[in-house]
Amino acid sequence: MTDPEPSPEDSIDHGVLFYNGYTFGSLTHVDVSSEMVYDATERTVSYIKHKVTAKAIIAPNDDYSDQDSHVEAIRQRLSKPGKKFELSQKGFGPSIRVNFNDAEEEEVEVRDVAFGPKPRMISWLPIGHTGAAECVWECDVHVPECSGARYDGVMTMAYSVTYTVNRKGFTTRSIAGHLIIAMTRDEYDGIPDSADEYRDKIAIGKIDNFQREQMFQISEDKSRLDFVITDTEIESPNGWPAGVVDISGSHRTRVNPYSRDRIDSSMSVEVELAQNQPRVRAWQIFQAIISKRWSAVPTNMTRFLDHLEIDEELFGNKLAFTAQWRTIPKGSNYFDFVLNDNGMFRSLEIDWADWKTSMNDITSQRGISQLKYHHDDEKLIDLCNTDDPGYTLDNDLPTNAPDGESTGLCNTKPTAENSYIHFDANLTNDRSYLNLVQITLGETVVNRNTNDFLDEDATLPEINLGAAAAVVSRGHPGITFTWEGYCERVGYPIPDVDLNDFTETPLIKKKDKTVRKYLGMVYCQPVYSMRWVHEYEALENPSTSPTTPVPFVPDEEEEEPA
């Protein structure tokens, strides 16, 4: 049934007061007070609140046989919020006509902007036995009064900004505010709009090296959206790689003065990926970081990857990587190598702007899930309707990021002269000298008496000590050398070794024990080892001992095994 339009015949003197199908009679006294409602900043007027007070006699229509029911129906009409309202009266100015839903195409439909009109029954006093009543009725109407006024969309927006600088000098910026939209109920007791629909209007610029967190709260009447947007400066001297929401890492180098053939280094990086990133992206990031540091090692130095470890969260987005490698430096100043040639202290040269761009979907006003409030599903619930108050919030479930491709870390085949990654050799000698042993004895003279087995006067022989005599024993002079060691080589087999290659004095090899091993492919390069124990003897006393050789490289390299 269509609500009746205002009836001029029953209108008040010099004007019309109409609400929700009921036109007040000519004896109605109307007072109007208007209030300019400012926004939260007190800088601008959001709308005009007109408070209309009507004192009237409500009488039944003679056409109704049940006059009490007619009066009750009128009271119900005057109690419903958000319905059609019209007030035209001399001395008030242009008429107020809202929520009629009958604007022509070229006209702007006038709507109450604050869930009105909002009626209130101040008093209802029955009169006599005719079903009439003396009524005091109020109604608040909220409309803007300006040229080209709008009656939907954002009505007001305001925010405050807080800056916090920590003891390290890093800044946190927090923006807290709200927006309010013009809103009233539609003709089906639903809501035509929601403040959440305007979340994207909160366009707060992002800063390259700041992380963003956001909070949005929709008011119960869905006309107000409160927000807090916090940007925290990232405490990092290096830019973050694109696609990460958190990253940490360290590069460590250990110098052992007692192990002068190598410098040990390691790198550990933990990456937390954004939900929309493929898992392999974490490996690509680690690979780029370690390659950047490796690029600082001079080409005449050997860098060899020994160990790689990967740790992946199965139900999270964190992945951790650890790599250990050794470097065979040239020269004796190891500290200069650590400072200048090991990649330490060098910038990773990652652009913050690329990272910020990669976070656009992550830190958008709706995040990855794009969760939002759907106002079309909500009905205004009260005791006068039978709509189901149930409401279901849904969201777009995130999809798994596609798998990507990557390459592994590989050792580079070094030049032959830089191919030894471990070399340890010891040379010991056992020197024998010319020995002279002198024994001094008295001259021994044995005088024996004639032995006559039948002589009764026979005696023992007599021994007389006389002049000294010398006995000399000579030893064989010489040196025995024992050469033992262990080495590892990348990319090339290890040749036979002979101490004669490192001395001018000819040596005779007395013992040769050599154990060779192929250790396998270590990150794209073959690795060989050899352990040896050689024993030599010098036929003549050398003027100098052989020098323990450095890693040896033959004139012609052997072919690698197939």
Protein backbone atom coordinates (compact mmCIF):
# COMPACT_ATOMS: atom_id res chain seq x y z
CA MET A 1 0.00 0.00 0.00
CA THR A 2 1.45 3.37 -1.03
CA ASP A 3 1.79 6.00 1.68
CA PRO A 4 -0.53 8.97 1.16
CA GLU A 5 0.95 12.25 0.04
CA PRO A 6 0.54 15.50 2.03
CA SER A 7 -3.04 16.78 1.95
CA PRO A 8 -3.36 20.56 1.54
CA GLU A 9 -6.91 20.48 2.86
CA ASP A 10 -5.78 19.18 6.23
CA SER A 11 -2.57 21.15 6.41
CA ILE A 12 -1.69 23.70 8.98
CA ASP A 13 -2.33 27.35 8.27
CA HIS A 14 0.03 28.77 5.70
CA GLY A 15 1.95 25.51 5.22
CA VAL A 16 2.16 21.71 5.37
CA LEU A 17 3.54 19.33 8.01
CA PHE A 18 3.60 15.77 6.74
CA TYR A 19 5.26 12.62 8.06
CA ASN A 20 5.02 8.98 6.99
CA GLY A 21 1.60 9.27 5.38
CA TYR A 22 0.01 11.54 8.00
CA THR A 23 -0.71 15.23 7.40
CA PHE A 24 -1.15 17.31 10.54
CA GLY A 25 -4.35 19.35 10.76
CA SER A 26 -4.85 23.08 10.45
CA LEU A 27 -4.95 23.61 14.22
CA THR A 28 -1.41 22.26 14.66
CA HIS A 29 1.11 24.62 16.24
CA VAL A 30 4.62 24.16 14.88
CA ASP A 31 7.92 25.36 16.33
CA VAL A 32 11.20 24.88 14.47
CA SER A 33 14.68 25.28 15.93
CA SER A 34 17.79 24.77 13.82
CA GLU A 35 21.30 23.82 14.94
CA MET A 36 24.43 23.88 12.83
CA VAL A 37 26.27 20.63 13.54
CA TYR A 38 30.03 21.02 13.18
CA ASP A 39 32.50 18.26 12.43
CA ALA A 40 34.96 16.99 15.07
CA THR A 41 37.48 19.67 14.18
CA GLU A 42 34.91 22.46 14.64
CA ARG A 43 36.08 23.82 11.30
CA THR A 44 33.07 23.23 9.09
CA VAL A 45 29.35 22.59 9.30
CA SER A 46 28.44 19.02 8.42
CA TYR A 47 24.68 19.56 8.27
CA ILE A 48 21.78 21.48 9.79
CA LYS A 49 19.73 19.72 12.44
CA HIS A 50 16.13 20.98 12.37
CA LYS A 51 14.09 20.14 15.44
CA VAL A 52 10.40 20.36 14.57
CA THR A 53 7.92 20.40 17.48
CA ALA A 54 4.23 20.01 16.69
CA LYS A 55 1.33 20.41 19.12
CA ALA A 56 -1.78 18.96 17.54
CA ILE A 57 -5.13 17.31 18.11
CA ILE A 58 -5.10 13.87 16.57
CA ALA A 59 -8.66 12.93 15.63
CA PRO A 60 -9.99 9.87 13.86
CA ASN A 61 -11.27 10.11 10.33
CA ASP A 62 -15.02 9.71 9.96
CA ASP A 63 -14.41 7.16 7.23
CA TYR A 64 -13.03 4.69 9.79
CA SER A 65 -15.58 2.60 11.65
CA ASP A 66 -12.99 1.67 14.29
CA GLN A 67 -11.81 5.07 15.37
CA ASP A 68 -9.49 3.73 18.09
CA SER A 69 -7.68 1.60 15.53
CA HIS A 70 -7.34 4.62 13.31
CA VAL A 71 -5.72 6.70 16.05
CA GLU A 72 -3.39 3.81 16.90
CA ALA A 73 -2.36 3.57 13.25
CA ILE A 74 -1.58 7.28 13.22
CA ARG A 75 0.55 6.93 16.35
CA GLN A 76 2.46 4.06 14.77
CA ARG A 77 3.11 6.11 11.65
CA LEU A 78 4.41 9.02 13.69
CA SER A 79 6.76 6.69 15.58
CA LYS A 80 8.62 5.18 12.61
CA PRO A 81 12.08 6.71 11.95
CA GLY A 82 13.54 7.43 8.55
CA LYS A 83 10.27 8.02 6.70
CA LYS A 84 9.03 10.73 4.35
CA PHE A 85 8.95 14.21 5.85
CA GLU A 86 7.78 17.55 4.53
CA LEU A 87 7.55 20.94 6.16
CA SER A 88 6.53 24.07 4.26
CA GLN A 89 5.51 27.12 6.22
CA LYS A 90 5.66 30.83 5.70
CA GLY A 91 8.47 32.43 7.62
CA PHE A 92 10.60 29.28 7.51
CA GLY A 93 12.00 29.64 4.05
CA PRO A 94 12.23 26.90 1.42
CA SER A 95 10.36 23.77 2.31
CA ILE A 96 12.08 20.70 3.73
CA ARG A 97 11.13 17.63 1.78
CA VAL A 98 13.21 14.50 2.43
CA ASN A 99 13.19 10.75 1.71
CA PHE A 100 10.45 10.88 -0.93
CA ASN A 101 12.37 8.83 -3.50
CA ASP A 102 10.57 10.67 -6.30
CA ALA A 103 13.26 12.95 -7.66
CA GLU A 104 13.37 13.36 -11.39
CA GLU A 105 16.47 12.18 -13.25
CA GLU A 106 17.95 15.66 -13.39
CA GLU A 107 17.17 16.40 -9.76
CA VAL A 108 19.07 15.49 -6.62
CA GLU A 109 17.07 13.39 -4.22
CA VAL A 110 17.01 15.02 -0.82
CA ARG A 111 17.83 12.52 1.91
CA ASP A 112 18.28 12.85 5.62
CA VAL A 113 22.03 12.40 6.25
CA ALA A 114 21.96 11.00 9.82
CA PHE A 115 19.50 8.08 9.83
CA GLY A 116 16.58 10.46 10.12
CA PRO A 117 14.11 11.87 10.28
CA LYS A 118 14.03 10.78 13.92
CA PRO A 119 10.56 11.25 15.51
CA ARG A 120 9.79 11.31 19.23
CA MET A 121 6.44 11.22 20.92
CA ILE A 122 6.71 13.72 23.77
CA SER A 123 3.16 13.32 25.05
CA TRP A 124 -0.10 11.66 24.01
CA LEU A 125 -3.15 12.70 26.01
CA PRO A 126 -6.52 11.06 25.10
CA ILE A 127 -9.48 13.42 24.83
CA GLY A 128 -13.11 12.46 25.61
CA HIS A 129 -14.77 9.43 24.17
CA THR A 130 -14.12 10.08 20.50
CA GLY A 131 -10.72 8.46 20.21
CA ALA A 132 -9.03 11.83 19.80
CA ALA A 133 -5.77 12.74 21.55
CA GLU A 134 -3.75 15.83 22.27
CA CYS A 135 -0.23 15.16 21.01
CA VAL A 136 3.16 16.83 21.36
CA TRP A 137 5.44 15.40 18.67
CA GLU A 138 9.07 16.13 17.84
CA CYS A 139 11.11 15.21 14.83
CA ASP A 140 14.79 15.82 14.04
CA VAL A 141 15.68 16.28 10.41
CA HIS A 142 19.32 16.40 9.27
CA VAL A 143 20.08 17.99 5.91
CA PRO A 144 22.87 20.14 4.50
CA GLU A 145 21.91 23.63 3.43
CA CYS A 146 24.16 24.82 0.66
CA SER A 147 24.19 25.19 -3.08
CA GLY A 148 24.83 21.88 -4.84
CA ALA A 149 24.50 19.84 -1.65
CA ARG A 150 25.15 16.09 -1.63
CA TYR A 151 23.08 13.64 0.39
CA ASP A 152 25.35 10.59 0.25
CA GLY A 153 29.06 9.79 0.39
CA VAL A 154 31.65 11.14 2.80
CA MET A 155 30.20 13.83 5.00
CA THR A 156 33.24 14.57 7.13
CA MET A 157 36.76 13.31 7.65
CA ALA A 158 39.31 14.30 10.25
CA TYR A 159 42.55 12.88 11.62
CA SER A 160 45.43 13.66 13.94
CA VAL A 161 49.13 12.86 13.46
CA THR A 162 51.58 11.74 16.14
CA TYR A 163 55.35 11.47 15.65
CA THR A 164 57.47 9.42 18.03
CA VAL A 165 61.27 9.48 17.73
CA ASN A 166 63.04 6.72 19.66
CA ARG A 167 66.44 6.91 21.33
CA LYS A 168 68.12 5.73 18.12
CA GLY A 169 66.58 8.53 16.10
CA PHE A 170 64.09 6.37 14.20
CA THR A 171 60.57 7.70 13.74
CA THR A 172 57.11 6.21 14.16
CA ARG A 173 54.23 8.13 12.60
CA SER A 174 50.70 7.36 13.76
CA ILE A 175 47.65 8.80 12.01
CA ALA A 176 44.36 8.39 13.87
CA GLY A 177 41.08 9.67 12.52
CA HIS A 178 37.62 8.92 11.26
CA LEU A 179 35.28 9.49 8.37
CA ILE A 180 31.49 9.76 8.55
CA ILE A 181 29.17 9.26 5.63
CA ALA A 182 25.67 10.59 5.01
CA MET A 183 23.29 7.75 5.81
CA THR A 184 19.67 6.90 6.34
CA ARG A 185 17.58 3.77 5.93
CA ASP A 186 16.15 2.85 2.59
CA GLU A 187 12.50 2.10 1.88
CA TYR A 188 13.06 -1.59 2.64
CA ASP A 189 14.45 -0.97 6.13
CA GLY A 190 17.96 -1.70 4.94
CA ILE A 191 20.98 0.56 4.82
CA PRO A 192 21.97 1.95 1.43
CA ASP A 193 25.64 2.42 2.15
CA SER A 194 28.46 1.74 4.58
CA ALA A 195 31.43 3.74 5.76
CA ASP A 196 33.59 0.71 5.00
CA GLU A 197 32.91 1.27 1.31
CA TYR A 198 35.01 4.42 1.59
CA ARG A 199 38.04 2.84 3.23
CA ASP A 200 40.02 3.36 0.04
CA LYS A 201 39.43 7.10 0.37
CA ILE A 202 41.84 7.13 3.29
CA ALA A 203 44.84 7.68 1.06
CA ILE A 204 47.78 8.19 3.40
CA GLY A 205 51.05 8.27 1.48
CA LYS A 206 53.60 5.56 2.21
CA ILE A 207 57.27 6.16 2.93
CA ASP A 208 59.94 3.97 1.33
CA ASN A 209 61.65 2.57 4.43
CA PHE A 210 58.66 2.44 6.79
CA GLN A 211 56.51 -0.57 7.70
CA ARG A 212 52.76 -0.01 7.93
CA GLU A 213 50.14 -1.39 10.30
CA GLN A 214 46.46 -0.41 10.02
CA MET A 215 43.34 -0.65 12.16
CA PHE A 216 39.83 0.04 10.87
CA GLN A 217 36.69 0.00 13.01
CA ILE A 218 33.17 0.34 11.64
CA SER A 219 30.61 1.88 13.95
CA GLU A 220 27.46 0.00 14.86
CA ASP A 221 25.30 2.13 12.60
CA LYS A 222 27.86 1.66 9.78
CA SER A 223 28.06 5.39 9.13
CA ARG A 224 31.44 5.97 10.79
CA LEU A 225 34.84 4.42 10.12
CA ASP A 226 37.59 4.97 12.67
CA PHE A 227 41.14 4.25 11.62
CA VAL A 228 44.69 4.20 12.96
CA ILE A 229 47.55 3.94 10.47
CA THR A 230 51.01 3.46 11.96
CA ASP A 231 54.19 3.76 9.90
CA THR A 232 57.36 2.61 11.67
CA GLU A 233 60.80 3.36 10.28
CA ILE A 234 62.82 0.21 9.60
CA GLU A 235 66.06 0.22 11.54
CA SER A 236 68.27 -1.07 8.74
CA PRO A 237 71.20 0.49 6.87
CA ASN A 238 70.42 -1.72 3.87
CA GLY A 239 67.22 -1.69 1.88
CA TRP A 240 64.89 -4.65 2.18
CA PRO A 241 64.43 -6.96 -0.80
CA ALA A 242 61.08 -6.87 -2.57
CA GLY A 243 58.51 -9.32 -1.24
CA VAL A 244 59.58 -9.60 2.40
CA VAL A 245 57.71 -8.46 5.49
CA ASP A 246 60.70 -9.05 7.75
CA ILE A 247 64.34 -9.99 7.26
CA SER A 248 67.43 -10.30 9.42
CA GLY A 249 70.90 -11.64 8.89
CA SER A 250 74.57 -11.53 9.80
CA HIS A 251 77.92 -11.99 8.06
CA ARG A 252 80.70 -13.37 10.24
CA THR A 253 84.42 -13.83 9.52
CA ARG A 254 86.86 -15.61 11.80
CA VAL A 255 90.62 -15.10 11.52
CA ASN A 256 92.75 -17.81 13.15
CA PRO A 257 96.43 -16.79 13.22
CA TYR A 258 97.42 -20.44 13.73
CA SER A 259 95.67 -21.57 10.56
CA ARG A 260 97.25 -19.29 8.00
CA ASP A 261 96.04 -21.14 4.95
CA ARG A 262 92.41 -20.05 5.26
CA ILE A 263 89.91 -17.55 6.62
CA ASP A 264 86.52 -18.95 7.63
CA SER A 265 83.34 -16.99 6.96
CA SER A 266 79.64 -17.63 7.40
CA MET A 267 76.36 -15.90 6.61
CA SER A 268 72.96 -16.48 8.19
CA VAL A 269 69.78 -14.87 6.83
CA GLU A 270 66.18 -15.32 8.01
CA VAL A 271 63.46 -14.19 5.62
CA GLU A 272 59.74 -13.81 6.29
CA LEU A 273 57.94 -13.63 2.98
CA ALA A 274 54.71 -11.86 2.22
CA GLN A 275 51.79 -14.25 1.80
CA ASN A 276 51.59 -13.60 -1.93
CA GLN A 277 55.20 -14.53 -2.62
CA PRO A 278 56.45 -17.93 -3.88
CA ARG A 279 58.62 -19.79 -1.39
CA VAL A 280 61.57 -19.83 -3.73
CA ARG A 281 61.69 -16.05 -3.49
CA ALA A 282 63.43 -16.41 -0.11
CA TRP A 283 66.22 -18.45 -1.69
CA GLN A 284 66.62 -15.90 -4.47
CA ILE A 285 67.02 -13.17 -1.86
CA PHE A 286 69.66 -15.13 0.07
CA GLN A 287 71.47 -15.97 -3.14
CA ALA A 288 71.59 -12.31 -4.18
CA ILE A 289 72.88 -11.17 -0.78
CA ILE A 290 75.67 -13.74 -0.51
CA SER A 291 76.67 -13.23 -4.15
CA LYS A 292 76.99 -9.51 -3.48
CA ARG A 293 79.43 -10.14 -0.64
CA TRP A 294 81.32 -12.79 -2.62
CA SER A 295 81.82 -10.38 -5.48
CA ALA A 296 84.22 -8.40 -3.28
CA VAL A 297 86.74 -11.29 -3.10
CA PRO A 298 89.61 -10.66 -5.56
CA THR A 299 89.81 -13.06 -8.48
CA ASN A 300 93.30 -14.22 -7.48
CA MET A 301 91.95 -15.58 -4.19
CA THR A 302 90.13 -18.87 -3.80
CA ARG A 303 86.68 -18.82 -2.21
CA PHE A 304 85.15 -22.21 -1.51
CA LEU A 305 81.65 -23.00 -0.19
CA ASP A 306 81.80 -25.76 2.42
CA HIS A 307 78.33 -25.96 3.95
CA LEU A 308 74.77 -24.86 3.21
CA GLU A 309 71.72 -25.26 5.45
CA ILE A 310 68.07 -24.37 4.72
CA ASP A 311 65.26 -24.26 7.30
CA GLU A 312 61.66 -23.77 6.08
CA GLU A 313 58.58 -23.24 8.23
CA LEU A 314 55.83 -25.52 7.01
CA PHE A 315 52.97 -23.48 8.47
CA GLY A 316 54.50 -20.05 8.31
CA ASN A 317 56.31 -17.83 5.87
CA LYS A 318 59.76 -17.85 7.45
CA LEU A 319 62.78 -19.46 5.83
CA ALA A 320 66.33 -19.43 7.17
CA PHE A 321 69.61 -20.00 5.34
CA THR A 322 73.15 -20.55 6.61
CA ALA A 323 76.25 -20.81 4.43
CA GLN A 324 79.85 -21.41 5.47
CA TRP A 325 82.84 -20.88 3.21
CA ARG A 326 86.58 -20.50 3.35
CA THR A 327 88.85 -18.08 1.56
CA ILE A 328 92.52 -18.64 0.77
CA PRO A 329 93.97 -15.13 0.93
CA LYS A 330 97.15 -13.93 -0.72
CA GLY A 331 99.64 -12.10 1.42
CA SER A 332 100.19 -12.03 5.15
CA ASN A 333 97.99 -9.13 6.26
CA TYR A 334 94.83 -11.03 7.02
CA PHE A 335 93.18 -8.08 8.70
CA ASP A 336 93.40 -6.02 5.52
CA PHE A 337 91.68 -8.87 3.71
CA VAL A 338 88.85 -8.95 6.24
CA LEU A 339 88.33 -5.20 6.01
CA ASN A 340 88.74 -4.71 2.28
CA ASP A 341 88.37 -7.93 0.32
CA ASN A 342 85.84 -10.09 2.18
CA GLY A 343 82.71 -8.06 1.50
CA MET A 344 82.33 -6.98 5.11
CA PHE A 345 80.86 -3.51 5.69
CA ARG A 346 79.79 -3.15 2.07
CA SER A 347 76.31 -1.95 1.15
CA LEU A 348 73.96 -4.52 -0.32
CA GLU A 349 72.69 -1.81 -2.71
CA ILE A 350 69.01 -2.75 -2.44
CA ASP A 351 66.50 -0.05 -3.43
CA TRP A 352 63.91 0.78 -0.77
CA ALA A 353 61.49 1.95 -3.48
CA ASP A 354 61.31 -1.55 -4.97
CA TRP A 355 60.42 -2.97 -1.57
CA LYS A 356 57.70 -0.37 -1.00
CA THR A 357 56.15 -1.15 -4.38
CA SER A 358 56.11 -4.87 -3.59
CA MET A 359 54.16 -4.14 -0.40
CA ASN A 360 51.28 -2.34 -2.15
CA ASP A 361 48.95 -5.35 -2.01
CA ILE A 362 50.09 -6.33 1.48
CA THR A 363 49.59 -2.92 3.06
CA SER A 364 46.54 -1.88 1.07
CA GLN A 365 43.50 -0.77 3.06
CA ARG A 366 42.09 -4.31 2.88
CA GLY A 367 45.24 -6.40 3.06
CA ILE A 368 45.69 -9.70 1.29
CA SER A 369 42.26 -11.16 2.07
CA GLN A 370 40.38 -8.06 0.82
CA LEU A 371 37.91 -8.61 3.65
CA LYS A 372 35.10 -6.08 3.64
CA TYR A 373 31.66 -5.40 5.06
CA HIS A 374 28.73 -5.94 2.69
CA HIS A 375 25.96 -3.53 3.67
CA ASP A 376 23.47 -5.13 1.27
CA ASP A 377 23.15 -8.10 3.61
CA GLU A 378 22.20 -6.10 6.69
CA LYS A 379 18.67 -5.21 7.79
CA LEU A 380 17.68 -2.81 10.52
CA ILE A 381 16.33 -5.03 13.26
CA ASP A 382 13.69 -4.02 15.78
CA LEU A 383 10.65 -5.57 17.43
CA CYS A 384 8.34 -4.37 14.69
CA ASN A 385 9.75 -6.58 11.94
CA THR A 386 10.39 -10.29 11.61
CA ASP A 387 13.62 -10.26 9.63
CA ASP A 388 16.30 -12.77 10.59
CA PRO A 389 19.04 -10.86 12.41
CA GLY A 390 21.71 -13.35 11.33
CA TYR A 391 24.65 -11.95 9.43
CA THR A 392 27.67 -13.69 7.92
CA LEU A 393 30.99 -11.98 7.28
CA ASP A 394 32.92 -13.48 4.41
CA ASN A 395 36.23 -12.81 2.79
CA ASP A 396 38.33 -13.79 -0.20
CA LEU A 397 40.63 -16.57 0.94
CA PRO A 398 44.24 -16.04 -0.12
CA THR A 399 45.56 -18.36 -2.77
CA ASN A 400 48.97 -19.96 -2.60
CA ALA A 401 51.64 -18.07 -4.46
CA PRO A 402 52.85 -19.87 -7.59
CA ASP A 403 56.08 -21.81 -7.41
CA GLY A 404 59.07 -20.13 -8.96
CA GLU A 405 62.36 -21.29 -10.37
CA SER A 406 65.84 -20.65 -9.05
CA THR A 407 69.43 -21.74 -9.40
CA GLY A 408 71.68 -23.08 -6.68
CA LEU A 409 74.89 -21.71 -5.25
CA CYS A 410 77.96 -23.03 -7.06
CA ASN A 411 81.66 -22.90 -6.40
CA THR A 412 83.66 -21.47 -9.27
CA LYS A 413 86.54 -23.50 -10.66
CA PRO A 414 89.67 -21.61 -9.62
CA THR A 415 92.89 -21.29 -11.57
CA ALA A 416 95.38 -24.09 -11.00
CA GLU A 417 97.68 -22.00 -8.83
CA ASN A 418 94.75 -21.00 -6.60
CA SER A 419 93.08 -24.40 -6.45
CA TYR A 420 94.34 -25.69 -3.09
CA ILE A 421 91.82 -25.02 -0.35
CA HIS A 422 93.80 -26.82 2.34
CA PHE A 423 97.51 -27.63 2.60
CA ASP A 424 99.34 -28.81 5.67
CA ALA A 425 102.83 -30.40 5.57
CA ASN A 426 105.49 -31.16 8.17
CA LEU A 427 109.17 -31.97 7.56
CA THR A 428 111.25 -33.61 10.31
CA ASN A 429 114.84 -34.80 10.17
CA ASP A 430 116.96 -37.27 12.12
CA ARG A 431 120.66 -36.41 11.90
CA SER A 432 123.40 -39.02 12.68
CA TYR A 433 126.97 -37.80 13.33
CA LEU A 434 130.55 -39.41 13.05
CA ASN A 435 131.08 -41.22 16.35
CA LEU A 436 134.49 -41.82 18.02
CA VAL A 437 134.58 -44.15 21.00
CA GLN A 438 137.87 -44.51 22.93
CA ILE A 439 138.35 -47.26 25.55
CA THR A 440 141.42 -47.09 27.78
CA LEU A 441 142.70 -50.38 29.26
CA GLY A 442 145.85 -51.48 31.03
CA GLU A 443 148.20 -53.80 29.17
CA THR A 444 147.14 -57.30 29.93
CA VAL A 445 149.85 -59.89 30.41
CA VAL A 446 148.85 -63.33 31.33
CA ASN A 447 151.66 -65.38 32.86
CA ARG A 448 150.78 -68.92 33.32
CA ASN A 449 152.74 -71.42 35.26
CA THR A 450 153.35 -74.69 33.71
CA ASN A 451 150.32 -76.77 34.16
CA ASP A 452 151.32 -80.10 35.27
CA PHE A 453 148.36 -82.09 36.19
CA LEU A 454 150.56 -84.15 38.48
CA ASP A 455 152.35 -81.15 40.11
CA GLU A 456 151.27 -80.80 43.64
CA ASP A 457 152.50 -77.15 43.72
CA ALA A 458 150.46 -75.92 40.70
CA THR A 459 148.81 -72.36 41.05
CA LEU A 460 146.28 -70.08 39.13
CA PRO A 461 147.64 -67.88 36.30
CA GLU A 462 148.97 -64.43 37.23
CA ILE A 463 147.57 -61.26 35.52
CA ASN A 464 149.74 -58.14 35.39
CA LEU A 465 148.31 -54.75 34.29
CA GLY A 466 150.66 -52.69 32.23
CA ALA A 467 150.55 -49.80 29.65
CA ALA A 468 147.12 -48.37 28.17
CA ALA A 469 145.70 -49.34 24.81
CA ALA A 470 142.96 -47.49 22.61
CA VAL A 471 139.97 -49.11 20.83
CA VAL A 472 138.06 -46.80 18.29
CA SER A 473 134.51 -47.40 16.86
CA ARG A 474 133.32 -45.31 13.84
CA GLY A 475 129.59 -44.51 13.03
CA HIS A 476 128.08 -43.63 9.58
CA PRO A 477 127.21 -39.84 9.23
CA GLY A 478 123.89 -38.70 7.49
CA ILE A 479 120.33 -37.27 7.74
CA THR A 480 116.95 -39.01 7.48
CA PHE A 481 114.01 -36.78 6.39
CA THR A 482 110.34 -37.61 7.09
CA TRP A 483 107.86 -35.57 5.05
CA GLU A 484 104.16 -35.96 5.83
CA GLY A 485 101.13 -33.87 4.95
CA TYR A 486 97.51 -33.51 3.84
CA CYS A 487 95.95 -31.32 1.16
CA GLU A 488 92.62 -30.69 -0.57
CA ARG A 489 92.22 -29.34 -4.07
CA VAL A 490 89.23 -28.01 -6.03
CA GLY A 491 88.76 -28.73 -9.71
CA TYR A 492 92.02 -30.58 -10.36
CA PRO A 493 93.49 -33.96 -9.34
CA ILE A 494 96.49 -33.82 -7.01
CA PRO A 495 99.80 -34.80 -8.65
CA ASP A 496 102.53 -37.03 -7.19
CA VAL A 497 104.93 -35.25 -4.89
CA ASP A 498 108.65 -35.75 -4.31
CA LEU A 499 110.82 -33.91 -1.85
CA ASN A 500 113.68 -34.00 -4.37
CA ASP A 501 111.78 -31.30 -6.30
CA PHE A 502 112.46 -28.88 -3.46
CA THR A 503 116.16 -29.50 -2.60
CA GLU A 504 119.49 -29.46 -4.42
CA THR A 505 120.87 -32.35 -2.40
CA PRO A 506 119.89 -35.71 -3.86
CA LEU A 507 117.74 -37.78 -1.55
CA ILE A 508 117.00 -41.47 -1.58
CA LYS A 509 113.34 -42.31 -0.97
CA LYS A 510 113.15 -45.10 1.57
CA LYS A 511 109.37 -45.07 2.18
CA ASP A 512 106.38 -43.84 0.20
CA LYS A 513 102.84 -44.09 1.63
CA THR A 514 100.21 -42.05 -0.23
CA VAL A 515 96.41 -42.14 0.12
CA ARG A 516 94.30 -40.29 -2.46
CA LYS A 517 90.56 -39.70 -2.26
CA TYR A 518 87.90 -38.19 -4.47
CA LEU A 519 85.72 -36.35 -1.95
CA GLY A 520 82.92 -35.77 -4.44
CA MET A 521 81.18 -32.86 -6.12
CA VAL A 522 80.96 -30.03 -3.62
CA TYR A 523 78.56 -27.36 -4.93
CA CYS A 524 79.36 -27.92 -8.62
CA GLN A 525 83.11 -28.59 -8.32
CA PRO A 526 85.07 -31.86 -7.76
CA VAL A 527 87.22 -31.96 -4.65
CA TYR A 528 90.24 -34.25 -4.19
CA SER A 529 92.38 -34.99 -1.15
CA MET A 530 95.75 -36.62 -0.57
CA ARG A 531 97.56 -37.73 2.57
CA TRP A 532 101.20 -38.81 2.35
CA VAL A 533 104.16 -39.97 4.48
CA HIS A 534 107.53 -40.06 2.68
CA GLU A 535 110.90 -40.96 4.21
CA TYR A 536 114.20 -39.93 2.59
CA GLU A 537 117.89 -40.36 3.38
CA ALA A 538 120.69 -38.06 2.33
CA LEU A 539 123.88 -39.80 1.24
CA GLU A 540 125.89 -36.77 2.16
CA ASN A 541 125.41 -34.08 4.72
CA PRO A 542 123.39 -31.31 2.97
CA SER A 543 124.43 -27.75 3.47
CA THR A 544 120.79 -26.76 4.03
CA SER A 545 117.63 -28.70 4.79
CA PRO A 546 114.84 -28.84 2.19
CA THR A 547 112.16 -26.15 2.56
CA THR A 548 108.64 -27.40 3.25
CA PRO A 549 106.94 -26.79 -0.12
CA VAL A 550 103.89 -24.64 -0.70
CA PRO A 551 100.97 -26.19 -2.63
CA PHE A 552 102.45 -27.77 -5.65
CA VAL A 553 101.25 -27.41 -9.20
CA PRO A 554 102.76 -29.49 -12.00
CA ASP A 555 103.79 -27.89 -15.26
CA GLU A 556 101.03 -29.76 -17.08
CA GLU A 557 97.71 -30.30 -15.36
CA GLU A 558 96.27 -33.78 -15.30
CA GLU A 559 92.92 -34.36 -16.91
CA GLU A 560 89.93 -34.49 -14.61
CA PRO A 561 88.29 -37.89 -14.25
CA ALA A 562 85.17 -38.43 -16.29
